[in-house]
């Protein structure tokens, strides 16, 4: 699982150090890197190991093959995803279009979401985190044991 929130520096060349625990999780899946894509829900990136895309594929295969929504999701998720390999120091190079989509420069925050993770501009993430913490507190009673 991807856990925690960790802020790292994005350099001018687009190099970004992936947190060690995230690298380890991805490497355990057999690929020495991450898979990233621009989020459909806002100005941030989503990512994970290769298994997260397999999970999305399973969900999409439940839809009719000629469903327009399925086609749009497949083309957007898989067509915009990229495999980014770790360099010898555990960094990836974020393509310019990813940095532009998420307005990334300077401080960047990785946010664990269990099966996947998000990459945010630090300031945007902090504003969102405060709001989400209030929602989580208000909804904590909804979590029930199996």
Protein backbone atom coordinates (compact mmCIF):
# COMPACT_ATOMS: atom_id res chain seq x y z
CA UNK A 1 0.00 0.00 0.00
CA UNK A 2 1.05 3.58 -0.61
CA UNK A 3 1.00 5.34 2.75
CA UNK A 4 1.91 8.75 4.12
CA UNK A 5 2.39 12.22 2.65
CA UNK A 6 5.91 13.23 1.73
CA UNK A 7 7.12 16.50 0.21
CA UNK A 8 10.17 16.57 -2.07
CA UNK A 9 11.78 19.10 -4.38
CA UNK A 10 11.18 19.15 -8.13
CA UNK A 11 14.23 20.54 -9.89
CA UNK A 12 14.30 22.73 -13.00
CA UNK A 13 14.92 19.69 -15.22
CA UNK A 14 11.78 17.97 -13.94
CA UNK A 15 13.61 15.46 -11.74
CA UNK A 16 11.73 14.35 -8.66
CA UNK A 17 12.81 11.94 -5.93
CA UNK A 18 10.16 9.30 -5.29
CA UNK A 19 9.78 8.47 -1.56
CA UNK A 20 11.71 5.33 -0.62
CA UNK A 21 8.61 3.46 0.60
CA UNK A 22 6.81 4.21 -2.69
CA UNK A 23 9.85 3.05 -4.71
CA UNK A 24 10.02 -0.16 -2.71
CA UNK A 25 6.33 -0.89 -3.27
CA UNK A 26 6.64 -0.28 -7.03
CA UNK A 27 9.81 -2.35 -7.31
CA UNK A 28 8.08 -5.26 -5.56
CA UNK A 29 5.60 -5.31 -8.46
CA UNK A 30 8.41 -6.01 -10.92
CA UNK A 31 8.88 -2.59 -12.52
CA UNK A 32 11.66 -0.27 -11.35
CA UNK A 33 9.58 2.85 -11.73
CA UNK A 34 6.09 4.28 -11.43
CA UNK A 35 3.11 4.66 -13.71
CA UNK A 36 1.65 8.19 -13.76
CA UNK A 37 -1.26 9.92 -15.48
CA UNK A 38 -3.00 13.32 -15.26
CA UNK A 39 -5.94 13.08 -12.88
CA UNK A 40 -9.44 13.41 -14.28
CA UNK A 41 -10.50 15.08 -11.04
CA UNK A 42 -8.19 18.07 -10.82
CA UNK A 43 -4.77 19.63 -11.17
CA UNK A 44 -2.71 16.76 -9.81
CA UNK A 45 -1.19 13.50 -11.00
CA UNK A 46 -2.24 9.99 -10.07
CA UNK A 47 0.09 7.04 -10.03
CA UNK A 48 1.02 3.65 -8.74
CA UNK A 49 2.69 0.46 -9.73
CA UNK A 50 1.60 -1.43 -12.83
CA UNK A 51 -1.07 -3.35 -10.87
CA UNK A 52 -3.22 -0.24 -10.45
CA UNK A 53 -3.74 -0.08 -14.21
CA UNK A 54 -4.63 -3.78 -14.23
CA UNK A 55 -7.26 -3.00 -11.58
CA UNK A 56 -8.66 -0.19 -13.77
CA UNK A 57 -8.69 -2.55 -16.75
CA UNK A 58 -10.73 -5.09 -14.76
CA UNK A 59 -13.27 -2.40 -13.85
CA UNK A 60 -13.49 -1.16 -17.45
CA UNK A 61 -14.00 -4.65 -18.82
CA UNK A 62 -17.28 -4.82 -16.87
CA UNK A 63 -18.63 -2.13 -19.22
CA UNK A 64 -20.02 -2.84 -22.67
CA UNK A 65 -17.14 -2.80 -25.21
CA UNK A 66 -18.96 -0.18 -27.30
CA UNK A 67 -19.89 2.07 -24.40
CA UNK A 68 -18.75 5.64 -25.14
CA UNK A 69 -17.82 6.19 -21.51
CA UNK A 70 -15.62 3.09 -21.54
CA UNK A 71 -13.84 4.28 -24.66
CA UNK A 72 -13.27 7.74 -23.18
CA UNK A 73 -11.93 6.30 -19.93
CA UNK A 74 -9.65 3.82 -21.70
CA UNK A 75 -8.22 6.46 -24.03
CA UNK A 76 -7.74 8.93 -21.22
CA UNK A 77 -6.36 6.64 -18.52
CA UNK A 78 -4.25 4.30 -20.65
CA UNK A 79 -3.52 6.74 -23.47
CA UNK A 80 -2.20 9.41 -21.11
CA UNK A 81 -0.36 7.11 -18.70
CA UNK A 82 3.41 6.84 -18.79
CA UNK A 83 5.87 4.44 -17.22
CA UNK A 84 8.68 6.44 -15.66
CA UNK A 85 11.77 4.52 -14.58
CA UNK A 86 13.79 5.31 -11.47
CA UNK A 87 17.32 6.60 -12.01
CA UNK A 88 20.20 5.38 -9.83
CA UNK A 89 19.16 7.77 -7.02
CA UNK A 90 15.44 6.94 -7.04
CA UNK A 91 14.32 9.92 -9.10
CA UNK A 92 11.96 10.11 -12.05
CA UNK A 93 11.78 12.79 -14.70
CA UNK A 94 8.30 14.28 -14.95
CA UNK A 95 7.37 15.15 -18.54
CA UNK A 96 6.54 18.83 -19.10
CA UNK A 97 2.87 18.11 -19.86
CA UNK A 98 2.51 16.38 -16.47
CA UNK A 99 4.13 19.32 -14.68
CA UNK A 100 1.83 21.73 -16.54
CA UNK A 101 -1.33 19.72 -15.80
CA UNK A 102 -0.61 19.70 -12.06
CA UNK A 103 1.07 23.15 -11.91
CA UNK A 104 4.14 21.53 -10.36
CA UNK A 105 7.33 23.39 -9.51
CA UNK A 106 9.44 23.65 -6.40
CA UNK A 107 7.86 21.66 -3.55
CA UNK A 108 5.80 18.63 -4.57
CA UNK A 109 3.82 16.35 -2.25
CA UNK A 110 3.27 12.62 -2.71
CA UNK A 111 0.05 11.47 -1.05
CA UNK A 112 -0.55 7.78 -0.39
CA UNK A 113 -4.03 6.48 -1.21
CA UNK A 114 -3.58 2.77 -0.55
CA UNK A 115 -3.65 1.16 -4.01
CA UNK A 116 -2.44 4.35 -5.71
CA UNK A 117 -0.93 7.73 -4.88
CA UNK A 118 -1.27 11.34 -5.94
CA UNK A 119 1.31 14.03 -6.69
CA UNK A 120 0.31 17.59 -5.79
CA UNK A 121 1.77 21.06 -5.68
CA UNK A 122 2.57 21.45 -1.96
CA UNK A 123 0.43 24.57 -1.42
CA UNK A 124 -2.59 23.11 -3.23
CA UNK A 125 -2.30 19.89 -1.28
CA UNK A 126 -2.17 21.66 2.08
CA UNK A 127 -5.34 23.62 1.29
CA UNK A 128 -7.09 20.44 0.17
CA UNK A 129 -5.83 18.41 3.14
CA UNK A 130 -7.38 20.81 5.62
CA UNK A 131 -10.74 20.59 3.89
CA UNK A 132 -10.62 16.79 3.55
CA UNK A 133 -9.65 16.33 7.19
CA UNK A 134 -12.84 18.13 8.21
CA UNK A 135 -14.90 15.90 5.88
CA UNK A 136 -13.17 12.77 7.20
CA UNK A 137 -13.93 13.79 10.76
CA UNK A 138 -17.59 14.36 9.89
CA UNK A 139 -17.82 10.99 8.10
CA UNK A 140 -15.73 8.75 10.35
CA UNK A 141 -18.87 7.12 11.77
CA UNK A 142 -19.59 5.65 8.33
CA UNK A 143 -16.65 3.23 8.52
CA UNK A 144 -17.90 -0.15 9.70
CA UNK A 145 -16.03 -3.41 10.30
CA UNK A 146 -16.71 -6.27 7.89
